[in-house]
């Protein structure tokens, strides 16, 4: 019985000891462009957080929030890319960004899109964005 409890407790009670340090995570932004995508693109945040939520919606999101789970997966992929580029992580983010572009109604423009990973911090009261990764252009294509 004691061994069973010792196995179940770590599952029920989260431990923060597995984090060596709490550091900022990269944000994913995307921009749709034509065949010749410019530097001054209109970058959109991937799955921006809602500004306000009702109490009922917050309670619902405690138990069912697949969009947040997907956003956490994208952050995990972004962290892997920031540490060392992996094709799998880039493809996963491209797939989700492509879906986000079509959901935003910008998929009909065709062409290509790029995504970038940005670390945001404040320096002297000003918001500073450090771009750590810029993807190659990918086809907007069809959502998967």
N, C-alpha and C. Protein backbone atom coordinates (compact mmCIF):
# COMPACT_ATOMS: atom_id res chain seq x y z
N UNK A 1 0.82 -1.20 0.00
CA UNK A 1 0.00 0.00 0.00
C UNK A 1 0.86 1.26 0.00
N UNK A 2 1.91 1.27 0.83
CA UNK A 2 2.78 2.44 0.92
C UNK A 2 3.49 2.70 -0.41
N UNK A 3 3.89 1.62 -1.09
CA UNK A 3 4.57 1.76 -2.39
C UNK A 3 3.60 2.32 -3.43
N UNK A 4 2.34 1.87 -3.40
CA UNK A 4 1.34 2.36 -4.35
C UNK A 4 1.11 3.86 -4.15
N UNK A 5 0.99 4.28 -2.91
CA UNK A 5 0.80 5.70 -2.62
C UNK A 5 2.00 6.51 -3.08
N UNK A 6 3.20 5.99 -2.88
CA UNK A 6 4.40 6.72 -3.30
C UNK A 6 4.49 6.82 -4.82
N UNK A 7 3.86 5.90 -5.54
CA UNK A 7 3.85 5.98 -6.99
C UNK A 7 2.77 6.93 -7.50
N UNK A 8 1.66 7.00 -6.78
CA UNK A 8 0.53 7.83 -7.23
C UNK A 8 0.72 9.30 -6.87
N UNK A 9 1.31 9.59 -5.74
CA UNK A 9 1.45 10.97 -5.28
C UNK A 9 2.18 11.88 -6.28
N UNK A 10 3.29 11.47 -6.88
CA UNK A 10 3.94 12.37 -7.85
C UNK A 10 3.06 12.67 -9.06
N UNK A 11 2.14 11.78 -9.37
CA UNK A 11 1.24 12.03 -10.50
C UNK A 11 0.20 13.08 -10.10
N UNK A 12 -0.29 13.01 -8.88
CA UNK A 12 -1.35 13.91 -8.43
C UNK A 12 -0.83 15.27 -8.00
N UNK A 13 0.37 15.32 -7.45
CA UNK A 13 0.93 16.57 -6.96
C UNK A 13 2.08 16.97 -7.86
N UNK A 14 1.93 18.07 -8.59
CA UNK A 14 3.01 18.46 -9.52
C UNK A 14 4.26 18.90 -8.76
N UNK A 15 5.37 18.65 -9.39
CA UNK A 15 6.64 19.05 -8.82
C UNK A 15 7.30 20.05 -9.75
N UNK A 16 7.81 21.11 -9.21
CA UNK A 16 8.50 22.11 -10.02
C UNK A 16 10.00 21.89 -9.99
N UNK A 17 10.45 20.84 -9.34
CA UNK A 17 11.88 20.62 -9.23
C UNK A 17 12.51 20.20 -10.55
N UNK A 18 11.69 19.78 -11.53
CA UNK A 18 12.28 19.35 -12.79
C UNK A 18 12.68 20.53 -13.66
N UNK A 19 12.28 21.76 -13.28
CA UNK A 19 12.75 22.94 -13.99
C UNK A 19 14.05 23.40 -13.34
N UNK A 20 15.11 23.54 -14.15
CA UNK A 20 16.36 24.05 -13.61
C UNK A 20 16.25 25.55 -13.38
N UNK A 21 15.53 26.22 -14.27
CA UNK A 21 15.34 27.66 -14.15
C UNK A 21 14.05 28.03 -14.88
N UNK A 22 13.42 29.07 -14.44
CA UNK A 22 12.23 29.57 -15.13
C UNK A 22 12.71 30.69 -16.04
N UNK A 23 12.56 30.49 -17.32
CA UNK A 23 13.04 31.45 -18.31
C UNK A 23 11.90 31.80 -19.26
N UNK A 24 12.02 32.91 -19.97
CA UNK A 24 10.96 33.26 -20.92
C UNK A 24 10.90 32.24 -22.05
N UNK A 25 9.71 32.05 -22.56
CA UNK A 25 9.56 31.14 -23.69
C UNK A 25 9.32 31.97 -24.94
N UNK A 26 9.74 31.43 -26.07
CA UNK A 26 9.60 32.20 -27.30
C UNK A 26 8.14 32.30 -27.74
N UNK A 27 7.81 33.41 -28.34
CA UNK A 27 6.50 33.61 -28.93
C UNK A 27 6.60 33.35 -30.42
N UNK A 28 5.53 32.80 -30.96
CA UNK A 28 5.50 32.50 -32.39
C UNK A 28 4.66 33.56 -33.08
N UNK A 29 5.22 34.15 -34.10
CA UNK A 29 4.51 35.14 -34.91
C UNK A 29 4.61 34.72 -36.37
N UNK A 30 3.59 35.06 -37.13
CA UNK A 30 3.58 34.70 -38.54
C UNK A 30 3.19 35.90 -39.38
N UNK A 31 3.59 35.85 -40.65
CA UNK A 31 3.24 36.91 -41.60
C UNK A 31 3.03 36.26 -42.96
N UNK A 32 1.98 36.71 -43.62
CA UNK A 32 1.68 36.23 -44.96
C UNK A 32 2.24 37.25 -45.93
N UNK A 33 2.89 36.75 -46.94
CA UNK A 33 3.44 37.65 -47.95
C UNK A 33 3.24 37.06 -49.33
N UNK A 34 3.58 37.85 -50.30
CA UNK A 34 3.50 37.36 -51.66
C UNK A 34 4.73 36.55 -51.98
N UNK A 35 5.00 36.47 -53.23
CA UNK A 35 6.18 35.71 -53.64
C UNK A 35 7.45 36.39 -53.12
N UNK A 36 7.43 37.72 -53.04
CA UNK A 36 8.59 38.45 -52.52
C UNK A 36 8.21 39.05 -51.16
N UNK A 37 8.44 38.28 -50.10
CA UNK A 37 8.06 38.71 -48.76
C UNK A 37 9.08 39.73 -48.26
N UNK A 38 8.58 40.84 -47.77
CA UNK A 38 9.48 41.91 -47.34
C UNK A 38 9.82 41.79 -45.87
N UNK A 39 10.81 42.54 -45.44
CA UNK A 39 11.21 42.57 -44.04
C UNK A 39 10.13 43.22 -43.18
N UNK A 40 9.43 44.23 -43.75
CA UNK A 40 8.44 44.98 -42.99
C UNK A 40 7.08 44.30 -43.07
N UNK A 41 7.04 43.01 -42.82
CA UNK A 41 5.79 42.27 -42.89
C UNK A 41 4.92 42.58 -41.67
N UNK A 42 3.64 42.33 -41.82
CA UNK A 42 2.68 42.53 -40.74
C UNK A 42 2.63 41.25 -39.90
N UNK A 43 3.41 41.19 -38.84
CA UNK A 43 3.52 39.98 -38.03
C UNK A 43 2.32 39.85 -37.11
N UNK A 44 1.72 38.67 -37.11
CA UNK A 44 0.57 38.34 -36.27
C UNK A 44 1.00 37.33 -35.23
N UNK A 45 0.49 37.48 -34.02
CA UNK A 45 0.82 36.52 -32.99
C UNK A 45 0.03 35.24 -33.21
N UNK A 46 0.69 34.11 -33.03
CA UNK A 46 0.02 32.83 -33.16
C UNK A 46 -0.86 32.59 -31.94
N UNK A 47 -2.12 32.33 -32.16
CA UNK A 47 -3.11 32.07 -31.11
C UNK A 47 -2.97 33.06 -29.95
N UNK A 48 -3.28 34.34 -30.19
CA UNK A 48 -3.17 35.31 -29.09
C UNK A 48 -4.16 34.97 -27.98
N UNK A 49 -3.77 35.30 -26.76
CA UNK A 49 -4.64 35.03 -25.63
C UNK A 49 -5.81 36.01 -25.64
N UNK A 50 -6.97 35.55 -25.20
CA UNK A 50 -8.12 36.48 -25.14
C UNK A 50 -7.87 37.56 -24.08
N UNK A 51 -8.33 38.77 -24.37
CA UNK A 51 -8.14 39.89 -23.43
C UNK A 51 -8.98 39.71 -22.17
N UNK A 52 -10.19 39.21 -22.33
CA UNK A 52 -11.07 39.00 -21.18
C UNK A 52 -11.75 37.64 -21.31
N UNK A 53 -12.06 37.07 -20.17
CA UNK A 53 -12.79 35.81 -20.13
C UNK A 53 -13.85 35.90 -19.04
N UNK A 54 -15.01 35.36 -19.31
CA UNK A 54 -16.05 35.31 -18.29
C UNK A 54 -15.70 34.21 -17.28
N UNK A 55 -16.33 34.27 -16.12
CA UNK A 55 -16.08 33.26 -15.10
C UNK A 55 -16.47 31.87 -15.62
N UNK A 56 -17.58 31.80 -16.30
CA UNK A 56 -18.02 30.51 -16.85
C UNK A 56 -17.03 29.96 -17.85
N UNK A 57 -16.52 30.83 -18.69
CA UNK A 57 -15.54 30.40 -19.71
C UNK A 57 -14.24 29.95 -19.03
N UNK A 58 -13.84 30.66 -17.96
CA UNK A 58 -12.63 30.25 -17.24
C UNK A 58 -12.80 28.86 -16.63
N UNK A 59 -13.96 28.62 -16.04
CA UNK A 59 -14.21 27.31 -15.45
C UNK A 59 -14.21 26.22 -16.52
N UNK A 60 -14.82 26.54 -17.65
CA UNK A 60 -14.83 25.56 -18.74
C UNK A 60 -13.41 25.26 -19.20
N UNK A 61 -12.58 26.31 -19.31
CA UNK A 61 -11.21 26.13 -19.80
C UNK A 61 -10.33 25.35 -18.82
N UNK A 62 -10.74 25.31 -17.52
CA UNK A 62 -9.99 24.49 -16.58
C UNK A 62 -10.06 23.01 -16.94
N UNK A 63 -11.19 22.60 -17.50
CA UNK A 63 -11.41 21.18 -17.77
C UNK A 63 -11.30 20.82 -19.25
N UNK A 64 -11.55 21.78 -20.15
CA UNK A 64 -11.50 21.47 -21.58
C UNK A 64 -10.93 22.66 -22.32
N UNK A 65 -9.71 22.52 -22.78
CA UNK A 65 -9.07 23.62 -23.49
C UNK A 65 -8.06 23.06 -24.50
N UNK A 66 -8.54 22.43 -25.56
CA UNK A 66 -7.60 21.84 -26.52
C UNK A 66 -6.74 22.88 -27.23
N UNK A 67 -7.26 24.09 -27.40
CA UNK A 67 -6.46 25.13 -28.07
C UNK A 67 -5.24 25.50 -27.22
N UNK A 68 -5.43 25.54 -25.90
CA UNK A 68 -4.30 25.86 -25.02
C UNK A 68 -3.27 24.73 -25.03
N UNK A 69 -3.74 23.49 -25.03
CA UNK A 69 -2.82 22.36 -25.12
C UNK A 69 -2.03 22.41 -26.42
N UNK A 70 -2.69 22.79 -27.51
CA UNK A 70 -2.00 22.92 -28.79
C UNK A 70 -0.98 24.05 -28.73
N UNK A 71 -1.35 25.16 -28.08
CA UNK A 71 -0.41 26.29 -27.94
C UNK A 71 0.80 25.88 -27.11
N UNK A 72 0.59 25.09 -26.08
CA UNK A 72 1.72 24.60 -25.28
C UNK A 72 2.65 23.72 -26.10
N UNK A 73 2.06 22.90 -26.98
CA UNK A 73 2.87 22.07 -27.85
C UNK A 73 3.71 22.93 -28.79
N UNK A 74 3.11 24.00 -29.32
CA UNK A 74 3.83 24.90 -30.22
C UNK A 74 4.98 25.58 -29.46
N UNK A 75 4.74 25.99 -28.22
CA UNK A 75 5.81 26.59 -27.42
C UNK A 75 6.94 25.58 -27.20
N UNK A 76 6.57 24.33 -26.95
CA UNK A 76 7.57 23.28 -26.78
C UNK A 76 8.41 23.12 -28.05
N UNK A 77 7.74 23.12 -29.19
CA UNK A 77 8.46 23.03 -30.47
C UNK A 77 9.35 24.26 -30.67
N UNK A 78 8.84 25.43 -30.31
CA UNK A 78 9.62 26.66 -30.46
C UNK A 78 10.86 26.63 -29.58
N UNK A 79 10.72 26.11 -28.38
CA UNK A 79 11.89 26.01 -27.49
C UNK A 79 12.92 25.05 -28.07
N UNK A 80 12.45 23.96 -28.69
CA UNK A 80 13.39 23.03 -29.32
C UNK A 80 14.12 23.69 -30.48
N UNK A 81 13.40 24.50 -31.26
CA UNK A 81 14.04 25.21 -32.38
C UNK A 81 15.06 26.21 -31.86
N UNK A 82 14.71 26.90 -30.76
CA UNK A 82 15.64 27.90 -30.20
C UNK A 82 16.92 27.24 -29.71
N UNK A 83 16.81 26.01 -29.20
CA UNK A 83 18.00 25.30 -28.72
C UNK A 83 18.82 24.71 -29.85
N UNK A 84 18.14 24.25 -30.87
CA UNK A 84 18.80 23.63 -32.02
C UNK A 84 17.74 23.24 -33.02
N UNK A 85 17.83 23.73 -34.20
CA UNK A 85 16.76 23.56 -35.18
C UNK A 85 16.49 22.09 -35.47
N UNK A 86 15.21 21.75 -35.40
CA UNK A 86 14.80 20.40 -35.77
C UNK A 86 13.72 20.52 -36.84
N UNK A 87 13.85 19.72 -37.86
CA UNK A 87 12.89 19.75 -38.96
C UNK A 87 11.49 19.40 -38.47
N UNK A 88 11.40 18.45 -37.57
CA UNK A 88 10.10 18.04 -37.04
C UNK A 88 9.38 19.22 -36.39
N UNK A 89 10.09 19.97 -35.54
CA UNK A 89 9.48 21.10 -34.84
C UNK A 89 9.07 22.20 -35.83
N UNK A 90 9.91 22.45 -36.82
CA UNK A 90 9.58 23.47 -37.82
C UNK A 90 8.33 23.05 -38.59
N UNK A 91 8.26 21.77 -38.98
CA UNK A 91 7.08 21.30 -39.72
C UNK A 91 5.82 21.37 -38.87
N UNK A 92 5.93 21.03 -37.59
CA UNK A 92 4.74 21.08 -36.71
C UNK A 92 4.23 22.51 -36.57
N UNK A 93 5.15 23.46 -36.39
CA UNK A 93 4.72 24.86 -36.26
C UNK A 93 4.15 25.35 -37.58
N UNK A 94 4.78 25.01 -38.70
CA UNK A 94 4.24 25.43 -40.00
C UNK A 94 2.83 24.91 -40.22
N UNK A 95 2.58 23.68 -39.85
CA UNK A 95 1.24 23.10 -40.01
C UNK A 95 0.22 23.88 -39.20
N UNK A 96 0.55 24.19 -37.95
CA UNK A 96 -0.39 24.92 -37.10
C UNK A 96 -0.55 26.37 -37.52
N UNK A 97 0.53 27.00 -37.94
CA UNK A 97 0.44 28.39 -38.41
C UNK A 97 -0.41 28.44 -39.68
N UNK A 98 -0.21 27.48 -40.57
CA UNK A 98 -1.00 27.43 -41.81
C UNK A 98 -2.49 27.34 -41.47
N UNK A 99 -2.82 26.53 -40.47
CA UNK A 99 -4.21 26.39 -40.03
C UNK A 99 -4.72 27.72 -39.45
N UNK A 100 -3.85 28.41 -38.70
CA UNK A 100 -4.21 29.69 -38.09
C UNK A 100 -4.43 30.75 -39.18
N UNK A 101 -3.62 30.71 -40.23
CA UNK A 101 -3.76 31.67 -41.33
C UNK A 101 -5.11 31.49 -42.01
N UNK A 102 -5.49 30.25 -42.25
CA UNK A 102 -6.78 30.00 -42.88
C UNK A 102 -7.93 30.37 -41.95
N UNK A 103 -7.77 30.13 -40.65
CA UNK A 103 -8.81 30.51 -39.69
C UNK A 103 -8.97 32.03 -39.62
N UNK A 104 -7.89 32.76 -39.85
CA UNK A 104 -7.94 34.23 -39.83
C UNK A 104 -8.47 34.78 -41.15
N UNK A 105 -8.75 33.90 -42.10
CA UNK A 105 -9.29 34.34 -43.38
C UNK A 105 -8.26 34.90 -44.33
N UNK A 106 -6.98 34.61 -44.09
CA UNK A 106 -5.93 35.14 -44.95
C UNK A 106 -5.34 34.07 -45.86
N UNK A 107 -5.96 32.90 -45.86
CA UNK A 107 -5.46 31.81 -46.69
C UNK A 107 -5.80 31.97 -48.15
N UNK A 108 -6.84 32.77 -48.43
CA UNK A 108 -7.24 32.96 -49.82
C UNK A 108 -6.28 33.81 -50.61
N UNK A 109 -5.36 34.50 -49.92
CA UNK A 109 -4.40 35.35 -50.61
C UNK A 109 -3.33 34.52 -51.32
N UNK A 110 -3.23 33.25 -50.93
CA UNK A 110 -2.22 32.39 -51.54
C UNK A 110 -0.83 32.85 -51.18
N UNK A 111 0.13 32.46 -51.95
CA UNK A 111 1.49 32.90 -51.71
C UNK A 111 2.17 32.11 -50.61
N UNK A 112 2.99 32.82 -49.87
CA UNK A 112 3.80 32.16 -48.86
C UNK A 112 3.63 32.85 -47.51
N UNK A 113 4.13 32.18 -46.51
CA UNK A 113 4.16 32.77 -45.18
C UNK A 113 5.49 32.40 -44.53
N UNK A 114 5.82 33.16 -43.51
CA UNK A 114 6.98 32.87 -42.68
C UNK A 114 6.52 32.92 -41.24
N UNK A 115 7.25 32.22 -40.38
CA UNK A 115 7.03 32.42 -38.96
C UNK A 115 8.36 32.72 -38.32
N UNK A 116 8.27 33.38 -37.18
CA UNK A 116 9.49 33.70 -36.45
C UNK A 116 9.27 33.47 -34.96
N UNK A 117 10.35 33.27 -34.28
CA UNK A 117 10.32 33.08 -32.83
C UNK A 117 10.93 34.31 -32.19
N UNK A 118 10.20 34.87 -31.24
CA UNK A 118 10.58 36.13 -30.63
C UNK A 118 10.61 35.98 -29.12
N UNK A 119 11.70 36.42 -28.53
CA UNK A 119 11.76 36.54 -27.07
C UNK A 119 11.46 37.99 -26.73
N UNK A 120 10.49 38.19 -25.86
CA UNK A 120 10.09 39.54 -25.48
C UNK A 120 10.57 39.80 -24.06
N UNK A 121 11.19 40.96 -23.87
CA UNK A 121 11.57 41.39 -22.52
C UNK A 121 11.47 42.90 -22.47
N UNK A 122 11.49 43.42 -21.26
CA UNK A 122 11.39 44.86 -21.07
C UNK A 122 12.73 45.37 -20.57
N UNK A 123 13.22 46.42 -21.22
CA UNK A 123 14.49 47.02 -20.86
C UNK A 123 14.26 48.51 -20.68
N UNK A 124 14.40 48.98 -19.46
CA UNK A 124 14.21 50.40 -19.19
C UNK A 124 12.79 50.86 -19.47
N UNK A 125 11.83 49.98 -19.24
CA UNK A 125 10.44 50.35 -19.47
C UNK A 125 9.98 50.20 -20.91
N UNK A 126 10.88 49.80 -21.78
CA UNK A 126 10.50 49.63 -23.18
C UNK A 126 10.46 48.15 -23.53
N UNK A 127 9.51 47.80 -24.36
CA UNK A 127 9.36 46.42 -24.83
C UNK A 127 10.41 46.16 -25.91
N UNK A 128 11.17 45.10 -25.70
CA UNK A 128 12.23 44.74 -26.65
C UNK A 128 11.94 43.34 -27.17
N UNK A 129 11.98 43.17 -28.48
CA UNK A 129 11.76 41.85 -29.09
C UNK A 129 13.05 41.38 -29.74
N UNK A 130 13.51 40.21 -29.35
CA UNK A 130 14.68 39.60 -29.96
C UNK A 130 14.23 38.44 -30.83
N UNK A 131 14.47 38.53 -32.12
CA UNK A 131 14.10 37.46 -33.04
C UNK A 131 15.20 36.42 -33.03
N UNK A 132 14.86 35.19 -32.63
CA UNK A 132 15.86 34.14 -32.53
C UNK A 132 15.79 33.17 -33.71
N UNK A 133 14.69 33.21 -34.45
CA UNK A 133 14.57 32.30 -35.58
C UNK A 133 13.60 32.90 -36.58
N UNK A 134 13.94 32.81 -37.86
CA UNK A 134 13.05 33.22 -38.95
C UNK A 134 13.01 32.07 -39.93
N UNK A 135 11.80 31.59 -40.19
CA UNK A 135 11.67 30.41 -41.05
C UNK A 135 11.84 30.79 -42.51
N UNK A 136 12.07 29.80 -43.31
CA UNK A 136 12.05 29.98 -44.75
C UNK A 136 10.60 30.13 -45.19
N UNK A 137 10.36 30.78 -46.34
CA UNK A 137 8.97 30.89 -46.81
C UNK A 137 8.36 29.51 -47.06
N UNK A 138 7.10 29.38 -46.65
CA UNK A 138 6.36 28.14 -46.87
C UNK A 138 5.05 28.49 -47.57
N UNK A 139 4.56 27.57 -48.34
CA UNK A 139 3.32 27.80 -49.07
C UNK A 139 2.13 27.84 -48.12
N UNK A 140 1.25 28.82 -48.33
CA UNK A 140 0.03 28.89 -47.52
C UNK A 140 -0.81 27.65 -47.78
N UNK A 141 -0.91 27.25 -49.02
CA UNK A 141 -1.58 26.00 -49.39
C UNK A 141 -2.92 25.79 -48.73
N UNK A 142 -3.25 24.54 -48.53
CA UNK A 142 -4.51 24.17 -47.89
C UNK A 142 -4.27 23.85 -46.43
N UNK A 143 -5.25 24.16 -45.57
CA UNK A 143 -5.10 23.78 -44.16
C UNK A 143 -5.18 22.27 -44.02
N UNK A 144 -4.44 21.75 -43.07
CA UNK A 144 -4.45 20.29 -42.85
C UNK A 144 -5.36 19.97 -41.72
